[in-house]
Amino acid sequence: MSSPSPEAVLSQWQADEAALRTRQQGETGLASRAMLAGKTGLQQMQAMLDGLAPRPPISETLDFLLISVEDGIAVFQGRPQFKHYNPLGSVHGGWFATLLDSALGCAVHTTLPVGRGYTTLEFKINLVRALSDKVPFVRAIGKVVHRGRQVTTSEATLVGHDGKLYAHASTTCLLFDLPS
């Protein structure tokens, strides 16, 4: 079976983003504790996708959004733009890092039971190709590699609609009980 063409992938990514933006028309912000209470990490992330919890402000600032989640997986889509450029004339590495960090952390978040939280202990990124605003979209795909009681690790890739790899990253997260 052949892979879809880059044009077909781009068309699908545009449609995915349009559908999500329609569902998530509210303001960006932070979900209240009451809004998230009693939900697993996956349920919390799904509430954001469904427009029942606000998108975080950073997603508006850096032009990216959560596209999909499932147990141990989180996918974000970003639009590299001129306003993200560094002085060298390409997208700043911090933009790459933010998308990848979001995918890595949210992949871990999807595995959390009710009452548990996480924080990043370590984050590593490899930038393998420059990125410009000529690339309409990229996706950061985060996947959990190891689930432990106290430590969980995940890996993510940043890819274009044409399948080109722009960066990859890994993280180690510390898990803990949330205060009641």
C-alpha atoms as a PDB file:
ATOM      1  CA  MET A   1       0.000   0.000   0.000  1.00  0.00           C
ATOM      2  CA  SER A   2       1.445   3.379  -0.979  1.00  0.00           C
ATOM      3  CA  SER A   3       1.644   6.388   1.282  1.00  0.00           C
ATOM      4  CA  PRO A   4      -0.586   9.377   0.524  1.00  0.00           C
ATOM      5  CA  SER A   5       1.007  12.144  -1.529  1.00  0.00           C
ATOM      6  CA  PRO A   6       2.373  15.247   0.239  1.00  0.00           C
ATOM      7  CA  GLU A   7      -0.483  17.229  -1.329  1.00  0.00           C
ATOM      8  CA  ALA A   8      -3.072  14.835   0.137  1.00  0.00           C
ATOM      9  CA  VAL A   9      -1.390  15.001   3.551  1.00  0.00           C
ATOM     10  CA  LEU A  10      -1.303  18.814   3.426  1.00  0.00           C
ATOM     11  CA  SER A  11      -4.984  18.908   2.492  1.00  0.00           C
ATOM     12  CA  GLN A  12      -5.842  16.583   5.391  1.00  0.00           C
ATOM     13  CA  TRP A  13      -3.766  18.633   7.859  1.00  0.00           C
ATOM     14  CA  GLN A  14      -5.531  21.823   6.729  1.00  0.00           C
ATOM     15  CA  ALA A  15      -8.924  20.149   7.194  1.00  0.00           C
ATOM     16  CA  ASP A  16      -7.933  18.806  10.630  1.00  0.00           C
ATOM     17  CA  GLU A  17      -6.912  22.279  11.775  1.00  0.00           C
ATOM     18  CA  ALA A  18     -10.055  23.940  10.394  1.00  0.00           C
ATOM     19  CA  ALA A  19     -12.295  21.412  12.170  1.00  0.00           C
ATOM     20  CA  LEU A  20     -10.476  21.886  15.478  1.00  0.00           C
ATOM     21  CA  ARG A  21     -10.565  25.672  15.254  1.00  0.00           C
ATOM     22  CA  THR A  22     -14.335  25.468  14.714  1.00  0.00           C
ATOM     23  CA  ARG A  23     -14.763  23.324  17.868  1.00  0.00           C
ATOM     24  CA  GLN A  24     -12.348  25.423  19.931  1.00  0.00           C
ATOM     25  CA  GLN A  25     -13.687  28.914  19.251  1.00  0.00           C
ATOM     26  CA  GLY A  26     -13.430  30.086  22.854  1.00  0.00           C
ATOM     27  CA  GLU A  27     -10.688  32.232  24.302  1.00  0.00           C
ATOM     28  CA  THR A  28      -7.389  30.774  25.355  1.00  0.00           C
ATOM     29  CA  GLY A  29      -6.833  30.436  29.079  1.00  0.00           C
ATOM     30  CA  LEU A  30      -6.301  27.964  31.868  1.00  0.00           C
ATOM     31  CA  ALA A  31      -8.724  25.236  32.887  1.00  0.00           C
ATOM     32  CA  SER A  32      -9.956  25.557  36.454  1.00  0.00           C
ATOM     33  CA  ARG A  33      -9.266  22.808  38.967  1.00  0.00           C
ATOM     34  CA  ALA A  34     -13.019  22.148  39.092  1.00  0.00           C
ATOM     35  CA  MET A  35     -13.111  21.701  35.305  1.00  0.00           C
ATOM     36  CA  LEU A  36     -10.390  19.032  35.486  1.00  0.00           C
ATOM     37  CA  ALA A  37     -11.352  17.361  38.778  1.00  0.00           C
ATOM     38  CA  GLY A  38     -12.085  13.647  38.591  1.00  0.00           C
ATOM     39  CA  LYS A  39     -10.667  13.315  35.077  1.00  0.00           C
ATOM     40  CA  THR A  40      -7.725  11.230  33.951  1.00  0.00           C
ATOM     41  CA  GLY A  41      -4.969  12.945  32.005  1.00  0.00           C
ATOM     42  CA  LEU A  42      -6.396  11.575  28.755  1.00  0.00           C
ATOM     43  CA  GLN A  43      -9.869  12.896  29.621  1.00  0.00           C
ATOM     44  CA  GLN A  44      -8.387  16.320  30.404  1.00  0.00           C
ATOM     45  CA  MET A  45      -6.606  16.446  27.056  1.00  0.00           C
ATOM     46  CA  GLN A  46      -9.751  15.252  25.250  1.00  0.00           C
ATOM     47  CA  ALA A  47     -11.744  18.069  26.923  1.00  0.00           C
ATOM     48  CA  MET A  48      -9.326  20.545  25.362  1.00  0.00           C
ATOM     49  CA  LEU A  49      -9.786  18.955  21.933  1.00  0.00           C
ATOM     50  CA  ASP A  50     -13.567  19.046  22.326  1.00  0.00           C
ATOM     51  CA  GLY A  51     -13.556  22.742  23.255  1.00  0.00           C
ATOM     52  CA  LEU A  52     -14.731  21.990  26.819  1.00  0.00           C
ATOM     53  CA  ALA A  53     -11.471  23.283  28.318  1.00  0.00           C
ATOM     54  CA  PRO A  54      -9.571  26.308  27.002  1.00  0.00           C
ATOM     55  CA  ARG A  55      -6.473  26.080  24.854  1.00  0.00           C
ATOM     56  CA  PRO A  56      -3.379  27.352  26.660  1.00  0.00           C
ATOM     57  CA  PRO A  57      -2.287  30.908  25.724  1.00  0.00           C
ATOM     58  CA  ILE A  58       1.089  29.703  24.364  1.00  0.00           C
ATOM     59  CA  SER A  59      -0.755  27.917  21.537  1.00  0.00           C
ATOM     60  CA  GLU A  60      -2.020  31.265  20.261  1.00  0.00           C
ATOM     61  CA  THR A  61       1.290  33.058  20.768  1.00  0.00           C
ATOM     62  CA  LEU A  62       3.287  30.464  18.806  1.00  0.00           C
ATOM     63  CA  ASP A  63       0.586  29.348  16.326  1.00  0.00           C
ATOM     64  CA  PHE A  64       0.182  25.689  17.206  1.00  0.00           C
ATOM     65  CA  LEU A  65      -2.598  23.481  18.495  1.00  0.00           C
ATOM     66  CA  LEU A  66      -3.312  20.042  19.838  1.00  0.00           C
ATOM     67  CA  ILE A  67      -4.538  17.842  16.983  1.00  0.00           C
ATOM     68  CA  SER A  68      -5.132  14.452  18.611  1.00  0.00           C
ATOM     69  CA  VAL A  69      -4.518  12.380  21.713  1.00  0.00           C
ATOM     70  CA  GLU A  70      -4.767   8.774  22.714  1.00  0.00           C
ATOM     71  CA  ASP A  71      -3.228   6.765  25.519  1.00  0.00           C
ATOM     72  CA  GLY A  72       0.503   7.566  25.460  1.00  0.00           C
ATOM     73  CA  ILE A  73       0.356   9.703  22.298  1.00  0.00           C
ATOM     74  CA  ALA A  74      -0.128  13.427  21.662  1.00  0.00           C
ATOM     75  CA  VAL A  75       0.059  15.228  18.307  1.00  0.00           C
ATOM     76  CA  PHE A  76       0.458  18.988  17.856  1.00  0.00           C
ATOM     77  CA  GLN A  77       0.395  20.935  14.615  1.00  0.00           C
ATOM     78  CA  GLY A  78       2.220  24.210  14.086  1.00  0.00           C
ATOM     79  CA  ARG A  79       2.450  26.873  11.405  1.00  0.00           C
ATOM     80  CA  PRO A  80       6.037  28.096  11.018  1.00  0.00           C
ATOM     81  CA  GLN A  81       5.809  31.823  10.299  1.00  0.00           C
ATOM     82  CA  PHE A  82       8.120  34.749   9.666  1.00  0.00           C
ATOM     83  CA  LYS A  83       7.403  36.083  13.168  1.00  0.00           C
ATOM     84  CA  HIS A  84       9.081  32.909  14.534  1.00  0.00           C
ATOM     85  CA  TYR A  85      12.380  33.646  12.737  1.00  0.00           C
ATOM     86  CA  ASN A  86      15.737  34.084  14.429  1.00  0.00           C
ATOM     87  CA  PRO A  87      18.338  36.626  13.209  1.00  0.00           C
ATOM     88  CA  LEU A  88      19.795  33.980  10.868  1.00  0.00           C
ATOM     89  CA  GLY A  89      16.625  33.896   8.743  1.00  0.00           C
ATOM     90  CA  SER A  90      14.997  30.633   9.805  1.00  0.00           C
ATOM     91  CA  VAL A  91      12.538  29.487  12.462  1.00  0.00           C
ATOM     92  CA  HIS A  92      14.027  29.840  15.943  1.00  0.00           C
ATOM     93  CA  GLY A  93      15.034  26.620  17.709  1.00  0.00           C
ATOM     94  CA  GLY A  94      12.868  27.649  20.662  1.00  0.00           C
ATOM     95  CA  TRP A  95       9.795  27.291  18.450  1.00  0.00           C
ATOM     96  CA  PHE A  96      10.841  23.734  17.556  1.00  0.00           C
ATOM     97  CA  ALA A  97      11.484  23.054  21.244  1.00  0.00           C
ATOM     98  CA  THR A  98       8.106  24.362  22.377  1.00  0.00           C
ATOM     99  CA  LEU A  99       6.188  22.172  19.930  1.00  0.00           C
ATOM    100  CA  LEU A 100       8.246  19.109  20.784  1.00  0.00           C
ATOM    101  CA  ASP A 101       8.074  19.750  24.535  1.00  0.00           C
ATOM    102  CA  SER A 102       4.286  20.057  24.266  1.00  0.00           C
ATOM    103  CA  ALA A 103       3.989  16.735  22.424  1.00  0.00           C
ATOM    104  CA  LEU A 104       6.388  15.003  24.825  1.00  0.00           C
ATOM    105  CA  GLY A 105       4.696  16.265  27.987  1.00  0.00           C
ATOM    106  CA  CYS A 106       1.153  15.797  26.771  1.00  0.00           C
ATOM    107  CA  ALA A 107       1.921  12.218  25.700  1.00  0.00           C
ATOM    108  CA  VAL A 108       2.947  11.619  29.324  1.00  0.00           C
ATOM    109  CA  HIS A 109      -0.126  13.532  30.544  1.00  0.00           C
ATOM    110  CA  THR A 110      -2.445  11.147  28.655  1.00  0.00           C
ATOM    111  CA  THR A 111      -1.191   8.267  30.831  1.00  0.00           C
ATOM    112  CA  LEU A 112      -1.976   9.904  34.183  1.00  0.00           C
ATOM    113  CA  PRO A 113      -4.705   8.502  36.414  1.00  0.00           C
ATOM    114  CA  VAL A 114      -6.964  10.843  38.388  1.00  0.00           C
ATOM    115  CA  GLY A 115      -5.008  12.670  41.089  1.00  0.00           C
ATOM    116  CA  ARG A 116      -1.548  12.377  39.521  1.00  0.00           C
ATOM    117  CA  GLY A 117       0.637  15.056  37.944  1.00  0.00           C
ATOM    118  CA  TYR A 118       4.076  15.334  36.336  1.00  0.00           C
ATOM    119  CA  THR A 119       6.927  17.722  35.796  1.00  0.00           C
ATOM    120  CA  THR A 120       9.806  17.615  33.342  1.00  0.00           C
ATOM    121  CA  LEU A 121      13.133  16.406  34.757  1.00  0.00           C
ATOM    122  CA  GLU A 122      15.114  16.443  31.510  1.00  0.00           C
ATOM    123  CA  PHE A 123      14.506  17.511  27.916  1.00  0.00           C
ATOM    124  CA  LYS A 124      16.789  16.947  24.908  1.00  0.00           C
ATOM    125  CA  ILE A 125      16.299  18.133  21.359  1.00  0.00           C
ATOM    126  CA  ASN A 126      18.099  17.493  18.076  1.00  0.00           C
ATOM    127  CA  LEU A 127      17.509  19.995  15.261  1.00  0.00           C
ATOM    128  CA  VAL A 128      18.261  18.191  12.011  1.00  0.00           C
ATOM    129  CA  ARG A 129      16.945  20.576   9.331  1.00  0.00           C
ATOM    130  CA  ALA A 130      16.226  24.303   9.089  1.00  0.00           C
ATOM    131  CA  LEU A 131      12.583  25.350   8.945  1.00  0.00           C
ATOM    132  CA  SER A 132      11.057  28.354   7.166  1.00  0.00           C
ATOM    133  CA  ASP A 133       7.613  29.777   6.534  1.00  0.00           C
ATOM    134  CA  LYS A 134       7.680  28.016   3.141  1.00  0.00           C
ATOM    135  CA  VAL A 135       6.649  24.881   5.059  1.00  0.00           C
ATOM    136  CA  PRO A 136       2.930  25.410   5.740  1.00  0.00           C
ATOM    137  CA  PHE A 137       2.568  22.995   8.673  1.00  0.00           C
ATOM    138  CA  VAL A 138       4.625  20.672  10.835  1.00  0.00           C
ATOM    139  CA  ARG A 139       3.476  18.067  13.320  1.00  0.00           C
ATOM    140  CA  ALA A 140       5.098  17.167  16.613  1.00  0.00           C
ATOM    141  CA  ILE A 141       4.219  13.552  17.421  1.00  0.00           C
ATOM    142  CA  GLY A 142       4.938  12.507  20.997  1.00  0.00           C
ATOM    143  CA  LYS A 143       4.885   8.881  22.184  1.00  0.00           C
ATOM    144  CA  VAL A 144       5.504   7.436  25.616  1.00  0.00           C
ATOM    145  CA  VAL A 145       8.437   5.019  25.637  1.00  0.00           C
ATOM    146  CA  HIS A 146       8.404   3.923  29.302  1.00  0.00           C
ATOM    147  CA  ARG A 147       5.705   4.179  31.960  1.00  0.00           C
ATOM    148  CA  GLY A 148       6.829   3.871  35.530  1.00  0.00           C
ATOM    149  CA  ARG A 149       5.339   4.633  38.922  1.00  0.00           C
ATOM    150  CA  GLN A 150       7.614   7.625  39.472  1.00  0.00           C
ATOM    151  CA  VAL A 151       9.298   8.263  36.099  1.00  0.00           C
ATOM    152  CA  THR A 152       7.917   8.209  32.560  1.00  0.00           C
ATOM    153  CA  THR A 153       9.862   8.893  29.364  1.00  0.00           C
ATOM    154  CA  SER A 154       8.676   9.921  25.915  1.00  0.00           C
ATOM    155  CA  GLU A 155      10.081  10.700  22.479  1.00  0.00           C
ATOM    156  CA  ALA A 156       8.795  13.014  19.749  1.00  0.00           C
ATOM    157  CA  THR A 157       9.482  13.860  16.126  1.00  0.00           C
ATOM    158  CA  LEU A 158       8.773  17.099  14.256  1.00  0.00           C
ATOM    159  CA  VAL A 159       7.812  16.311  10.652  1.00  0.00           C
ATOM    160  CA  GLY A 160       6.502  18.179   7.627  1.00  0.00           C
ATOM    161  CA  HIS A 161       3.547  17.164   5.466  1.00  0.00           C
ATOM    162  CA  ASP A 162       6.060  15.730   3.003  1.00  0.00           C
ATOM    163  CA  GLY A 163       7.488  13.382   5.646  1.00  0.00           C
ATOM    164  CA  LYS A 164      10.720  15.355   6.164  1.00  0.00           C
ATOM    165  CA  LEU A 165      12.134  15.197   9.680  1.00  0.00           C
ATOM    166  CA  TYR A 166      13.016  18.613  11.130  1.00  0.00           C
ATOM    167  CA  ALA A 167      13.831  17.655  14.718  1.00  0.00           C
ATOM    168  CA  HIS A 168      13.433  14.955  17.340  1.00  0.00           C
ATOM    169  CA  ALA A 169      13.457  15.074  21.122  1.00  0.00           C
ATOM    170  CA  SER A 170      13.127  13.070  24.314  1.00  0.00           C
ATOM    171  CA  THR A 171      12.100  13.789  27.872  1.00  0.00           C
ATOM    172  CA  THR A 172      12.068  12.261  31.329  1.00  0.00           C
ATOM    173  CA  CYS A 173       9.179  13.249  33.572  1.00  0.00           C
ATOM    174  CA  LEU A 174       8.739  12.841  37.333  1.00  0.00           C
ATOM    175  CA  LEU A 175       5.261  11.662  38.386  1.00  0.00           C
ATOM    176  CA  PHE A 176       3.684  12.677  41.698  1.00  0.00           C
ATOM    177  CA  ASP A 177       0.411  12.818  43.611  1.00  0.00           C
ATOM    178  CA  LEU A 178      -1.413  16.114  43.247  1.00  0.00           C
ATOM    179  CA  PRO A 179      -2.332  17.969  46.429  1.00  0.00           C
ATOM    180  CA  SER A 180      -6.013  17.526  47.272  1.00  0.00           C
END
